[in-house]
Amino acid sequence: MYFKKYLFYLLLIFIYSCASIKAPPGGPVDETPPNMIAVKPPSGTTGLTSKKITIQFSEHMDEKSFKNNIQVFPRLTKPLEFRFKGDEVILTFPDSLDSEKTYIIYLNRNIKDEHRIPLAKTIQLAYSTGAKISSGIISGKVYGQGEKAVHLWKIGDIVKDSLFATQPDYITDVNDNGFYSFSYLAPGNYQVLLIEKSATGLPLNTNLTGYGLYWQKKINLIEGDTLSNINMRFWKKTEKLKLLRGEWSAFNWGRLVFNNDLPQGITINLQLGSNEKVNSDSISYYQDPINRKNLIVQAPDSIMTNSIKINIALLKLGEELLLDSSEVLIQIPQEPDTSFLRILKPTHNYQIIPNKITNEKLNIIFSKPVQFSTDSTLLPKLFKNDTIPVNVNLEQINPMQFQLNPLLQWEENEKYQLKINREGIITKSGRGLRDSITIINLSTVKSIGYGMVNSTIRESTHLNLAVELFSVKNSSLSQTSFVNSDSKFEFKTIPEGDYSLYFFEDSDNDMKYSFGNAYPNVPSEWFYFYPDTFEVRANWETEIAPIKLPERK
C-alpha cells in the first residue's frame, strides 16, 4: 500500500515538472513591428577586423524571412552567411572584403518577426575596412499607390540610356509613409529610380513594371553631404491598346471589346471582310456609355450570315495612332433575341446634386440601341412631386444614351419622377420594356456651392510654373492654372470642399505633369506637393498665405 502511494506522488511530481508554463490564450494580437535594439560591432565601425556582425532584435524573428532579404552593397563575390541564436542573428562576411572600402548591409522590409509582422523600415548598417567611412545621404519621398522600392546607381559624368536595364548598386525599401533613404554613400554622381517592390533588384522592364524618375539625370553628392527632397512620382505605362474580341448581341448590333478604356474623340477606319454582304460605309460605331472599354458597332439592317469579320485599319486620337490594323471574327447568333429592353441609368432612387453654374443633365441609358417615337406625347416625362410637369430638353448622344435637361434648374431637396412610356421607345432588337410605364424615383439634395482660391509664390526661381488644385476626397476632381509674371495664381470656380495643391514646371507646355521616360533617359518635370489642405467654401474667396517652394538643387 505504501509503495503504491509512493509511486502515485512520484508520478504527480513528474507530470508537474514536465508541464509548460505559458500565458493563457487570447488577448490583443501583436502588431508591433520588430526593432533592432543592439548591433555588435556598432554600425559606423572603421578598420573592420571582425567578420561577424551580431544583431539583436526586440523579439524572436522568422528565420525563413531572412533568406534573400539581406543584401550587401557593393555586392560581394560570395554570399553573406547568417545563423540564429535566440533573438539574435549572426551575420558572417566572406574573407574576400576589399581594403579601404565601405560596405552597407541592408535588411529589407520583407524580414518579419515570429508573428509575421515586418520591419517598419529598412535597416542599414555600415562598416569600413579602411580608416574612414562614407557619410553621404540621399533621401526623399515618393508618391503613388502600392509597395515600392528605390534603386540607386553610382555613375560617372555621362549617364547611359541603358542604365536602368542594369543591376542597381544600392537598393532600399520605401516605408509606409512614402519615405526612403540611402546612408553611408561615397561622394560622386548618382542616379535614382523608383520601382514596384515586386521588381526590386531587377533590370527595369517598362512594359511590365511601374516606375518613377527624378527631375535631374544625375545627382552630385559631395563628401558628407545630405541630399533630401529627392522626390519622385510613380506611374505605370498604359498597356498598348489591343482589340480583345467581338460580341454580336442580336439582329444588327454588337460590340468590340478592348483591353483599355477608349478615349473620347477617337476616329476609326472600320471595315468589313471582303466577302461580307454589308456595306462598310453603312456601319456606325460609338462608345458604350456604360463600359468605356467597349465600342458599339451597328448595322442598318439585320446581318444574315453566320459570322462577320471586322477589321480596324487604324484607330487614332488626333494625330496619335493608338491601334494599327486589328481584325476579329464575330459569330452571329442564329436564335432571335427575346430579351426585354432595360433601363441601365438612372437607377431607382437616383440622387441628383444641382449645379447652379451648369445645369446637371440626367443620363438615360438603355441596354440596346433604340430610337424615340416621333409622337411627343410618348416621350419620357419628368414630374416634380409626382404630379407637376417639368419642361425638359431631350438630346440623343448615341442610340443607347440620351440626356434629359430641365429648362429650369433642378430645385434643391425635391422629389422628382421620370416616367418612360414603352410605346415611345422603339428597338429593332428583341422586345421592348417589360412594363407599359416605367417610373423611376429621383431626388435632389443641396446644390453645389462654388468659391475662389488664390495665393502668391515667394521668391520663385521656377520657369513656366503650373499649379494643380485637387480635391482631397476625389483626386480626379482637379483644375490646373499657371503662376503669372507677378508670381500669383488663382482659381475662380471651385466646388466647395477640401483641397490641396501641387506645383510642377511645365517644361513642355502641355498643361499636365510629365513623368519622363526611362528609355531613352528623359527626366521627369520638377514637382512639389503643398503639405497642407484647405477648405473652399461657397461664395468665399480663400486666400492662402504666400507659399515658399523648395529650392531647385
Protein backbone atom coordinates (compact mmCIF):
# COMPACT_ATOMS: atom_id res chain seq x y z
CA MET A 1 0.00 0.00 0.00
CA TYR A 2 2.78 2.39 0.97
CA PHE A 3 4.62 1.56 -2.23
CA LYS A 4 1.56 2.41 -4.38
CA LYS A 5 1.17 5.81 -2.69
CA TYR A 6 4.85 6.49 -3.25
CA LEU A 7 4.50 5.74 -6.97
CA PHE A 8 1.39 7.96 -7.19
CA TYR A 9 3.12 11.01 -5.68
CA LEU A 10 6.22 10.39 -7.77
CA LEU A 11 4.06 10.39 -10.91
CA LEU A 12 2.41 13.69 -9.90
CA ILE A 13 5.81 15.34 -9.40
CA PHE A 14 6.94 14.09 -12.81
CA ILE A 15 3.83 15.44 -14.59
CA TYR A 16 4.12 18.83 -12.87
CA SER A 17 7.79 19.16 -13.74
CA CYS A 18 7.05 18.44 -17.42
CA ALA A 19 4.15 20.88 -17.69
CA SER A 20 4.96 24.03 -19.68
CA ILE A 21 4.04 27.34 -18.14
CA LYS A 22 2.72 29.86 -20.69
CA ALA A 23 0.43 32.86 -20.86
CA PRO A 24 -3.25 31.99 -21.28
CA PRO A 25 -4.54 32.20 -24.86
CA GLY A 26 -6.45 35.25 -26.05
CA GLY A 27 -5.68 38.95 -25.65
CA PRO A 28 -4.72 41.50 -28.31
CA VAL A 29 -2.85 40.39 -31.44
CA ASP A 30 0.78 41.55 -31.56
CA GLU A 31 1.00 44.09 -34.41
CA THR A 32 4.12 45.95 -33.21
CA PRO A 33 6.93 45.82 -35.81
CA PRO A 34 10.19 44.31 -34.58
CA ASN A 35 13.11 46.65 -33.84
CA MET A 36 16.85 46.29 -33.87
CA ILE A 37 17.93 47.01 -30.26
CA ALA A 38 21.67 46.29 -30.48
CA VAL A 39 24.40 45.53 -33.02
CA LYS A 40 27.99 44.43 -32.40
CA PRO A 41 30.31 45.83 -33.64
CA PRO A 42 28.26 49.04 -33.95
CA SER A 43 27.32 50.46 -37.33
CA GLY A 44 29.92 53.01 -38.42
CA THR A 45 32.89 50.92 -37.29
CA THR A 46 36.09 51.59 -39.25
CA GLY A 47 39.10 49.34 -39.65
CA LEU A 48 36.78 46.34 -39.55
CA THR A 49 38.63 43.18 -38.50
CA SER A 50 35.79 41.00 -37.24
CA LYS A 51 33.94 39.07 -39.91
CA LYS A 52 30.93 38.56 -37.64
CA ILE A 53 28.10 41.08 -37.10
CA THR A 54 25.63 40.26 -34.31
CA ILE A 55 22.20 41.94 -34.46
CA GLN A 56 19.78 41.70 -31.55
CA PHE A 57 16.06 42.26 -32.19
CA SER A 58 13.24 43.18 -29.85
CA GLU A 59 11.74 39.71 -30.31
CA HIS A 60 12.34 36.37 -31.96
CA MET A 61 12.39 36.59 -35.74
CA ASP A 62 11.06 34.41 -38.54
CA GLU A 63 14.22 32.71 -39.78
CA LYS A 64 12.78 31.89 -43.21
CA SER A 65 12.07 35.57 -43.93
CA PHE A 66 15.80 36.38 -43.87
CA LYS A 67 16.51 34.33 -46.98
CA ASN A 68 17.15 36.63 -49.99
CA ASN A 69 16.27 39.69 -47.90
CA ILE A 70 19.73 40.60 -46.60
CA GLN A 71 21.87 42.42 -49.14
CA VAL A 72 25.35 43.91 -49.05
CA PHE A 73 26.50 46.81 -51.22
CA PRO A 74 28.83 46.94 -53.01
CA ARG A 75 27.89 43.39 -53.92
CA LEU A 76 30.04 40.57 -52.56
CA THR A 77 31.57 37.82 -54.67
CA LYS A 78 30.35 35.31 -52.07
CA PRO A 79 27.04 35.48 -50.18
CA LEU A 80 26.73 36.71 -46.61
CA GLU A 81 26.15 33.83 -44.21
CA PHE A 82 23.77 34.06 -41.24
CA ARG A 83 22.62 31.94 -38.31
CA PHE A 84 20.25 32.47 -35.39
CA LYS A 85 20.70 32.40 -31.65
CA GLY A 86 17.51 33.26 -29.76
CA ASP A 87 16.55 36.85 -30.63
CA GLU A 88 19.90 37.42 -32.35
CA VAL A 89 21.06 36.89 -35.91
CA ILE A 90 24.78 36.50 -36.55
CA LEU A 91 25.99 37.62 -39.97
CA THR A 92 29.36 36.48 -41.30
CA PHE A 93 31.27 38.27 -44.06
CA PRO A 94 33.32 36.23 -46.53
CA ASP A 95 37.11 36.57 -46.38
CA SER A 96 37.25 38.47 -49.66
CA LEU A 97 36.48 42.03 -48.48
CA ASP A 98 38.33 44.81 -50.28
CA SER A 99 40.55 47.13 -48.31
CA GLU A 100 39.67 50.82 -47.81
CA LYS A 101 36.01 50.29 -48.73
CA THR A 102 32.66 50.99 -47.05
CA TYR A 103 30.20 48.08 -47.03
CA ILE A 104 26.50 48.63 -46.34
CA ILE A 105 24.26 45.83 -45.06
CA TYR A 106 20.57 46.22 -45.92
CA LEU A 107 17.87 44.24 -44.11
CA ASN A 108 14.72 44.97 -46.11
CA ARG A 109 11.09 45.09 -45.02
CA ASN A 110 10.34 41.54 -46.15
CA ILE A 111 12.03 40.41 -42.94
CA LYS A 112 9.43 39.55 -40.29
CA ASP A 113 9.20 38.51 -36.66
CA GLU A 114 7.74 35.19 -35.49
CA HIS A 115 4.25 36.75 -35.63
CA ARG A 116 4.79 37.64 -39.34
CA ILE A 117 4.99 41.38 -38.61
CA PRO A 118 7.51 43.05 -41.00
CA LEU A 119 10.16 45.61 -40.11
CA ALA A 120 8.81 49.17 -40.02
CA LYS A 121 11.72 50.38 -42.16
CA THR A 122 14.84 49.09 -43.87
CA ILE A 123 17.82 48.59 -41.52
CA GLN A 124 21.10 49.97 -42.89
CA LEU A 125 24.43 49.10 -41.25
CA ALA A 126 27.79 50.39 -42.50
CA TYR A 127 31.32 49.10 -41.90
CA SER A 128 34.61 50.20 -43.39
CA THR A 129 37.73 48.14 -43.92
CA GLY A 130 39.67 51.41 -44.02
CA ALA A 131 40.28 54.30 -41.64
CA LYS A 132 37.15 56.27 -42.60
CA ILE A 133 33.57 55.58 -43.51
CA SER A 134 31.48 57.28 -46.18
CA SER A 135 28.75 59.50 -44.72
CA GLY A 136 26.73 60.86 -47.66
CA ILE A 137 22.93 60.60 -47.57
CA ILE A 138 20.34 60.66 -50.37
CA SER A 139 16.71 60.63 -49.25
CA GLY A 140 13.28 61.70 -50.38
CA LYS A 141 9.60 61.00 -50.56
CA VAL A 142 7.73 59.14 -53.27
CA TYR A 143 4.11 59.47 -54.34
CA GLY A 144 1.85 56.75 -55.71
CA GLN A 145 -0.09 53.64 -54.76
CA GLY A 146 1.34 50.24 -53.83
CA GLU A 147 4.54 48.91 -52.28
CA LYS A 148 7.69 50.37 -53.80
CA ALA A 149 11.48 50.25 -53.64
CA VAL A 150 14.22 52.60 -54.82
CA HIS A 151 17.28 51.67 -56.91
CA LEU A 152 20.48 53.73 -56.84
CA TRP A 153 23.48 53.67 -59.17
CA LYS A 154 26.88 55.31 -58.70
CA ILE A 155 27.78 56.69 -62.12
CA GLY A 156 30.40 58.71 -63.92
CA ASP A 157 29.94 62.02 -65.68
CA ILE A 158 27.93 60.52 -68.55
CA VAL A 159 24.51 58.94 -67.98
CA LYS A 160 23.86 55.96 -70.23
CA ASP A 161 20.36 55.44 -71.63
CA SER A 162 20.66 51.76 -70.74
CA LEU A 163 21.46 52.41 -67.06
CA PHE A 164 18.07 51.27 -65.73
CA ALA A 165 18.46 47.97 -67.58
CA THR A 166 21.43 47.10 -65.34
CA GLN A 167 21.54 45.79 -61.79
CA PRO A 168 21.47 48.65 -59.24
CA ASP A 169 24.42 49.35 -56.95
CA TYR A 170 22.14 50.03 -53.96
CA ILE A 171 18.55 49.13 -53.05
CA THR A 172 16.24 50.29 -50.28
CA ASP A 173 12.55 49.96 -49.47
CA VAL A 174 10.01 52.76 -49.21
CA ASN A 175 8.33 52.92 -45.80
CA ASP A 176 4.59 53.14 -45.17
CA ASN A 177 4.72 56.96 -45.19
CA GLY A 178 6.42 57.10 -48.59
CA PHE A 179 9.96 57.94 -47.40
CA TYR A 180 13.23 56.29 -48.40
CA SER A 181 16.88 56.90 -47.51
CA PHE A 182 20.36 55.78 -48.58
CA SER A 183 23.09 56.35 -46.00
CA TYR A 184 26.89 55.93 -45.89
CA LEU A 185 27.36 56.92 -49.53
CA ALA A 186 30.70 57.89 -51.02
CA PRO A 187 30.98 61.22 -52.88
CA GLY A 188 30.24 61.14 -56.60
CA ASN A 189 27.44 61.17 -59.13
CA TYR A 190 24.33 59.05 -58.64
CA GLN A 191 21.12 58.21 -60.47
CA VAL A 192 17.94 57.09 -58.73
CA LEU A 193 14.87 55.11 -59.83
CA LEU A 194 11.56 54.41 -58.11
CA ILE A 195 10.21 50.94 -58.90
CA GLU A 196 7.48 48.48 -57.93
CA LYS A 197 8.63 46.37 -55.00
CA SER A 198 7.87 43.18 -56.92
CA ALA A 199 10.65 44.17 -59.36
CA THR A 200 13.24 45.01 -56.69
CA GLY A 201 16.79 44.34 -57.89
CA LEU A 202 15.73 43.55 -61.46
CA PRO A 203 16.50 45.47 -64.65
CA LEU A 204 13.63 47.81 -65.48
CA ASN A 205 11.10 46.49 -68.00
CA THR A 206 8.79 49.44 -68.68
CA ASN A 207 6.18 47.21 -70.33
CA LEU A 208 5.68 45.23 -67.12
CA THR A 209 6.75 47.47 -64.26
CA GLY A 210 5.67 50.87 -62.99
CA TYR A 211 8.44 53.30 -62.10
CA GLY A 212 9.27 56.92 -61.29
CA LEU A 213 12.11 59.28 -62.23
CA TYR A 214 13.83 62.25 -60.64
CA TRP A 215 13.83 65.59 -62.45
CA GLN A 216 17.62 65.52 -62.98
CA LYS A 217 19.65 62.94 -64.88
CA LYS A 218 22.33 62.77 -62.22
CA ILE A 219 22.65 63.71 -58.56
CA ASN A 220 26.01 65.06 -57.39
CA LEU A 221 26.88 64.13 -53.81
CA ILE A 222 29.89 65.74 -52.14
CA GLU A 223 31.75 64.33 -49.14
CA GLY A 224 29.50 64.08 -46.08
CA ASP A 225 26.59 65.85 -47.81
CA THR A 226 22.91 65.15 -47.13
CA LEU A 227 20.60 65.50 -50.13
CA SER A 228 16.94 65.39 -49.16
CA ASN A 229 13.83 66.04 -51.26
CA ILE A 230 14.99 63.67 -53.98
CA ASN A 231 11.31 63.07 -54.61
CA MET A 232 9.65 61.00 -57.32
CA ARG A 233 6.17 60.23 -58.60
CA PHE A 234 5.19 56.67 -59.51
CA TRP A 235 3.44 55.85 -62.76
CA LYS A 236 2.87 52.83 -64.96
CA LYS A 237 2.85 52.93 -68.73
CA THR A 238 -0.59 52.26 -70.13
CA GLU A 239 -0.67 48.94 -71.90
CA LYS A 240 -0.77 49.30 -75.67
CA LEU A 241 -4.35 49.29 -76.94
CA LYS A 242 -5.49 45.87 -78.15
CA LEU A 243 -8.69 44.53 -79.65
CA LEU A 244 -9.56 41.51 -77.50
CA ARG A 245 -12.74 40.11 -79.03
CA GLY A 246 -16.04 40.87 -80.65
CA GLU A 247 -19.56 40.01 -79.49
CA TRP A 248 -22.67 40.21 -81.63
CA SER A 249 -25.71 40.74 -79.45
CA ALA A 250 -28.62 40.37 -81.85
CA PHE A 251 -30.16 41.49 -85.12
CA ASN A 252 -27.97 44.40 -86.23
CA TRP A 253 -25.55 45.34 -83.48
CA GLY A 254 -22.65 44.10 -81.39
CA ARG A 255 -19.60 45.34 -79.53
CA LEU A 256 -15.84 45.30 -79.87
CA VAL A 257 -14.02 44.76 -76.57
CA PHE A 258 -10.62 46.38 -75.93
CA ASN A 259 -8.09 45.96 -73.12
CA ASN A 260 -8.11 49.68 -72.17
CA ASP A 261 -10.63 52.49 -71.90
CA LEU A 262 -11.17 54.23 -75.22
CA PRO A 263 -10.56 57.99 -75.02
CA GLN A 264 -13.15 60.48 -76.15
CA GLY A 265 -12.79 61.84 -79.68
CA ILE A 266 -11.25 58.81 -81.39
CA THR A 267 -11.52 58.23 -85.13
CA ILE A 268 -11.66 54.70 -86.55
CA ASN A 269 -11.24 53.28 -90.02
CA LEU A 270 -13.54 50.28 -89.64
CA GLN A 271 -14.04 47.80 -92.47
CA LEU A 272 -15.85 44.51 -93.03
CA GLY A 273 -14.30 41.42 -94.58
CA SER A 274 -14.32 41.39 -98.38
CA ASN A 275 -16.91 38.60 -98.55
CA GLU A 276 -19.45 40.32 -96.32
CA LYS A 277 -22.78 41.37 -97.81
CA VAL A 278 -22.87 44.57 -95.79
CA ASN A 279 -21.50 47.89 -96.99
CA SER A 280 -18.69 49.05 -94.67
CA ASP A 281 -19.76 52.67 -95.09
CA SER A 282 -23.16 51.85 -93.60
CA ILE A 283 -21.66 50.56 -90.32
CA SER A 284 -21.78 53.08 -87.48
CA TYR A 285 -19.88 52.95 -84.17
CA TYR A 286 -19.95 54.75 -80.83
CA GLN A 287 -18.59 54.22 -77.35
CA ASP A 288 -20.52 52.08 -74.91
CA PRO A 289 -21.99 54.58 -72.41
CA ILE A 290 -21.56 52.08 -69.54
CA ASN A 291 -18.18 50.46 -70.29
CA ARG A 292 -15.50 52.63 -71.91
CA LYS A 293 -13.57 49.53 -72.99
CA ASN A 294 -16.37 48.67 -75.41
CA LEU A 295 -17.15 50.07 -78.83
CA ILE A 296 -20.72 49.53 -80.06
CA VAL A 297 -20.94 48.59 -83.75
CA GLN A 298 -24.29 48.91 -85.51
CA ALA A 299 -25.50 47.92 -88.98
CA PRO A 300 -28.60 49.44 -90.61
CA ASP A 301 -30.20 46.03 -91.20
CA SER A 302 -30.04 42.50 -89.89
CA ILE A 303 -26.90 40.58 -90.87
CA MET A 304 -28.00 37.28 -92.38
CA THR A 305 -24.71 35.36 -92.13
CA ASN A 306 -23.25 33.01 -89.53
CA SER A 307 -20.31 35.29 -88.85
CA ILE A 308 -18.90 38.68 -89.66
CA LYS A 309 -15.27 39.74 -89.93
CA ILE A 310 -14.46 43.27 -88.74
CA ASN A 311 -11.13 44.92 -89.43
CA ILE A 312 -9.87 48.08 -87.75
CA ALA A 313 -7.42 49.54 -90.27
CA LEU A 314 -6.42 52.23 -87.78
CA LEU A 315 -7.65 53.88 -84.60
CA LYS A 316 -6.41 57.41 -83.84
CA LEU A 317 -6.77 60.16 -81.28
CA GLY A 318 -5.96 63.32 -83.17
CA GLU A 319 -2.64 62.54 -84.87
CA GLU A 320 -1.69 59.83 -82.37
CA LEU A 321 -2.01 56.29 -83.70
CA LEU A 322 -3.45 54.09 -80.92
CA LEU A 323 -4.08 50.89 -82.87
CA ASP A 324 -2.83 49.78 -86.26
CA SER A 325 -4.61 47.00 -88.15
CA SER A 326 -6.51 44.55 -85.98
CA GLU A 327 -9.12 42.01 -87.03
CA VAL A 328 -11.76 39.94 -85.28
CA LEU A 329 -14.24 37.28 -86.42
CA ILE A 330 -17.63 37.52 -84.69
CA GLN A 331 -20.20 34.74 -84.63
CA ILE A 332 -23.76 35.90 -85.33
CA PRO A 333 -26.47 34.39 -83.07
CA GLN A 334 -28.97 32.41 -85.11
CA GLU A 335 -31.69 32.45 -82.49
CA PRO A 336 -33.90 35.58 -82.29
CA ASP A 337 -33.34 37.98 -79.40
CA THR A 338 -36.23 37.57 -76.95
CA SER A 339 -34.82 39.63 -74.09
CA PHE A 340 -36.56 42.74 -72.76
CA LEU A 341 -35.10 46.20 -73.16
CA ARG A 342 -33.75 47.53 -69.84
CA ILE A 343 -33.04 51.00 -68.48
CA LEU A 344 -29.49 50.92 -67.08
CA LYS A 345 -29.44 54.53 -65.89
CA PRO A 346 -30.81 56.29 -63.96
CA THR A 347 -31.29 53.69 -61.25
CA HIS A 348 -34.26 53.82 -58.88
CA ASN A 349 -33.96 56.46 -56.15
CA TYR A 350 -31.15 58.15 -58.08
CA GLN A 351 -29.83 61.27 -56.35
CA ILE A 352 -29.05 64.47 -58.25
CA ILE A 353 -26.76 67.24 -57.00
CA PRO A 354 -27.98 70.50 -58.57
CA ASN A 355 -25.33 72.68 -60.18
CA LYS A 356 -26.06 76.40 -60.35
CA ILE A 357 -23.37 77.12 -62.95
CA THR A 358 -24.06 74.33 -65.45
CA ASN A 359 -27.39 72.59 -65.11
CA GLU A 360 -26.92 68.91 -64.27
CA LYS A 361 -28.01 66.68 -67.15
CA LEU A 362 -29.69 63.35 -66.43
CA ASN A 363 -28.34 60.42 -68.47
CA ILE A 364 -30.91 57.89 -69.70
CA ILE A 365 -29.04 54.79 -70.86
CA PHE A 366 -30.65 51.71 -72.41
CA SER A 367 -29.35 48.15 -72.73
CA LYS A 368 -29.84 48.15 -76.53
CA PRO A 369 -29.86 50.69 -79.35
CA VAL A 370 -33.21 52.48 -79.51
CA GLN A 371 -34.87 55.48 -81.04
CA PHE A 372 -37.60 57.71 -79.67
CA SER A 373 -41.06 57.87 -81.15
CA THR A 374 -41.92 60.89 -83.28
CA ASP A 375 -45.07 61.24 -81.16
CA SER A 376 -44.04 63.76 -78.49
CA THR A 377 -46.81 62.58 -76.15
CA LEU A 378 -45.00 59.24 -75.81
CA LEU A 379 -41.57 60.66 -74.94
CA PRO A 380 -40.11 60.40 -71.40
CA LYS A 381 -41.72 62.85 -68.96
CA LEU A 382 -40.35 64.47 -65.80
CA PHE A 383 -42.58 65.40 -62.85
CA LYS A 384 -41.90 67.21 -59.61
CA ASN A 385 -43.64 65.85 -56.52
CA ASP A 386 -45.30 63.17 -58.68
CA THR A 387 -47.78 65.48 -60.42
CA ILE A 388 -46.18 68.79 -61.53
CA PRO A 389 -44.88 68.52 -65.14
CA VAL A 390 -41.35 69.82 -65.74
CA ASN A 391 -40.38 71.15 -69.17
CA VAL A 392 -37.25 69.43 -70.47
CA ASN A 393 -34.96 69.10 -73.45
CA LEU A 394 -34.13 65.59 -74.67
CA GLU A 395 -30.85 65.14 -76.52
CA GLN A 396 -29.64 61.96 -78.19
CA ILE A 397 -25.94 61.28 -77.52
CA ASN A 398 -25.96 57.93 -79.33
CA PRO A 399 -28.58 55.21 -79.93
CA MET A 400 -28.13 53.89 -76.38
CA GLN A 401 -27.73 57.16 -74.49
CA PHE A 402 -29.96 60.21 -74.14
CA GLN A 403 -29.70 63.23 -71.87
CA LEU A 404 -32.61 64.96 -70.17
CA ASN A 405 -32.08 68.57 -69.20
CA PRO A 406 -34.76 70.62 -67.35
CA LEU A 407 -35.30 74.03 -68.93
CA LEU A 408 -35.14 75.48 -65.43
CA GLN A 409 -32.65 74.46 -62.75
CA TRP A 410 -33.23 71.37 -60.67
CA GLU A 411 -34.69 72.53 -57.38
CA GLU A 412 -32.88 71.70 -54.16
CA ASN A 413 -34.19 68.99 -51.81
CA GLU A 414 -37.08 67.99 -54.06
CA LYS A 415 -38.56 64.72 -55.25
CA TYR A 416 -38.96 64.00 -58.97
CA GLN A 417 -40.32 61.18 -61.09
CA LEU A 418 -39.14 60.10 -64.52
CA LYS A 419 -41.88 58.30 -66.47
CA ILE A 420 -40.92 56.34 -69.58
CA ASN A 421 -43.64 55.01 -71.89
CA ARG A 422 -42.89 51.68 -73.56
CA GLU A 423 -44.63 52.82 -76.76
CA GLY A 424 -42.29 55.81 -77.04
CA ILE A 425 -39.10 53.71 -77.12
CA ILE A 426 -38.53 51.79 -80.34
CA THR A 427 -35.99 48.97 -80.64
CA LYS A 428 -35.37 46.66 -83.59
CA SER A 429 -33.61 44.10 -81.42
CA GLY A 430 -35.57 41.88 -79.06
CA ARG A 431 -38.53 43.07 -77.03
CA GLY A 432 -39.32 46.48 -75.63
CA LEU A 433 -39.56 47.49 -71.99
CA ARG A 434 -41.30 44.95 -69.80
CA ASP A 435 -43.75 47.47 -68.25
CA SER A 436 -46.02 49.77 -70.21
CA ILE A 437 -44.95 52.68 -67.97
CA THR A 438 -41.64 52.64 -66.10
CA ILE A 439 -41.46 55.05 -63.15
CA ILE A 440 -38.06 55.97 -61.69
CA ASN A 441 -37.99 58.00 -58.49
CA LEU A 442 -35.39 60.75 -58.32
CA SER A 443 -34.40 63.22 -55.63
CA THR A 444 -32.21 66.29 -55.34
CA VAL A 445 -30.02 67.46 -52.48
CA LYS A 446 -28.45 70.81 -51.64
CA SER A 447 -26.85 72.36 -54.71
CA ILE A 448 -23.10 72.65 -55.15
CA GLY A 449 -21.63 75.94 -53.99
CA TYR A 450 -18.54 77.50 -55.56
CA GLY A 451 -15.68 79.53 -54.17
CA MET A 452 -12.37 81.06 -55.25
CA VAL A 453 -8.74 80.31 -54.33
CA ASN A 454 -5.67 82.48 -54.79
CA SER A 455 -2.14 82.84 -53.46
CA THR A 456 1.36 84.12 -54.20
CA ILE A 457 4.66 82.31 -54.66
CA ARG A 458 7.55 83.79 -52.68
CA GLU A 459 10.98 84.23 -54.30
CA SER A 460 10.26 81.78 -57.08
CA THR A 461 13.07 80.84 -59.47
CA HIS A 462 10.94 78.33 -61.37
CA LEU A 463 10.07 78.82 -65.02
CA ASN A 464 6.66 78.10 -66.52
CA LEU A 465 5.30 77.05 -63.14
CA ALA A 466 1.94 75.28 -63.22
CA VAL A 467 -0.26 74.64 -60.20
CA GLU A 468 -2.92 71.96 -59.91
CA LEU A 469 -5.70 72.20 -57.35
CA PHE A 470 -7.19 68.81 -56.47
CA SER A 471 -9.91 67.51 -54.18
CA VAL A 472 -8.69 65.58 -51.15
CA LYS A 473 -11.65 63.18 -51.38
CA ASN A 474 -11.58 62.75 -55.16
CA SER A 475 -8.21 63.46 -56.80
CA SER A 476 -9.79 63.23 -60.27
CA LEU A 477 -11.63 66.47 -59.42
CA SER A 478 -8.91 68.96 -60.30
CA GLN A 479 -8.10 72.18 -62.12
CA THR A 480 -4.78 73.44 -63.49
CA SER A 481 -3.58 77.03 -63.74
CA PHE A 482 -0.29 78.89 -64.17
CA VAL A 483 1.64 81.19 -61.86
CA ASN A 484 1.70 84.56 -63.63
CA SER A 485 4.55 87.05 -64.03
CA ASP A 486 3.59 88.63 -60.69
CA SER A 487 4.07 85.22 -59.00
CA LYS A 488 0.32 84.93 -58.38
CA PHE A 489 -2.24 82.29 -59.24
CA GLU A 490 -6.00 81.94 -58.82
CA PHE A 491 -8.87 79.54 -59.37
CA LYS A 492 -12.22 81.23 -59.84
CA THR A 493 -14.85 78.47 -59.87
CA ILE A 494 -14.13 75.69 -57.37
CA PRO A 495 -16.83 73.39 -55.94
CA GLU A 496 -16.90 73.63 -52.16
CA GLY A 497 -14.86 71.01 -50.29
CA ASP A 498 -11.37 70.22 -49.01
CA TYR A 499 -8.46 70.72 -51.40
CA SER A 500 -4.70 70.77 -51.72
CA LEU A 501 -2.16 71.85 -54.34
CA TYR A 502 0.79 70.58 -56.21
CA PHE A 503 3.18 72.52 -58.41
CA PHE A 504 5.22 71.44 -61.42
CA GLU A 505 7.44 73.04 -64.04
CA ASP A 506 5.53 72.56 -67.27
CA SER A 507 8.63 72.46 -69.46
CA ASP A 508 6.77 71.00 -72.46
CA ASN A 509 3.79 73.40 -72.15
CA ASP A 510 1.13 70.70 -72.27
CA MET A 511 -0.71 71.71 -69.06
CA LYS A 512 -0.04 68.33 -67.42
CA TYR A 513 2.78 66.76 -65.44
CA SER A 514 5.29 64.75 -67.48
CA PHE A 515 6.73 61.64 -65.79
CA GLY A 516 9.73 61.44 -68.12
CA ASN A 517 10.96 58.32 -69.87
CA ALA A 518 13.36 55.53 -68.92
CA TYR A 519 14.47 54.50 -72.42
CA PRO A 520 15.87 56.86 -73.68
CA ASN A 521 16.52 58.51 -70.34
CA VAL A 522 14.43 61.69 -70.13
CA PRO A 523 13.99 63.19 -66.63
CA SER A 524 10.58 63.96 -65.19
CA GLU A 525 9.38 67.50 -64.59
CA TRP A 526 10.13 69.11 -61.22
CA PHE A 527 7.19 68.94 -58.80
CA TYR A 528 6.21 69.83 -55.25
CA PHE A 529 3.18 68.76 -53.21
CA TYR A 530 1.88 71.50 -50.93
CA PRO A 531 1.75 69.87 -47.47
CA ASP A 532 -1.46 71.48 -46.17
CA THR A 533 -5.14 71.14 -47.03
CA PHE A 534 -7.66 73.96 -47.03
CA GLU A 535 -11.41 74.35 -47.28
CA VAL A 536 -13.17 76.04 -50.18
CA ARG A 537 -16.48 77.49 -49.04
CA ALA A 538 -19.38 78.57 -51.23
CA ASN A 539 -19.29 82.27 -52.21
CA TRP A 540 -16.00 82.79 -50.35
CA GLU A 541 -12.56 83.76 -51.61
CA THR A 542 -9.92 81.56 -49.95
CA GLU A 543 -6.58 83.35 -49.79
CA ILE A 544 -3.66 81.06 -48.97
CA ALA A 545 -0.65 82.56 -47.22
CA PRO A 546 2.33 83.17 -49.58
CA ILE A 547 3.99 79.87 -50.45
CA LYS A 548 7.76 79.29 -50.36
CA LEU A 549 8.71 76.49 -52.74
CA PRO A 550 11.79 74.31 -52.13
CA GLU A 551 14.91 75.38 -53.98
CA ARG A 552 15.91 73.51 -57.11
CA LYS A 553 19.29 71.98 -56.31
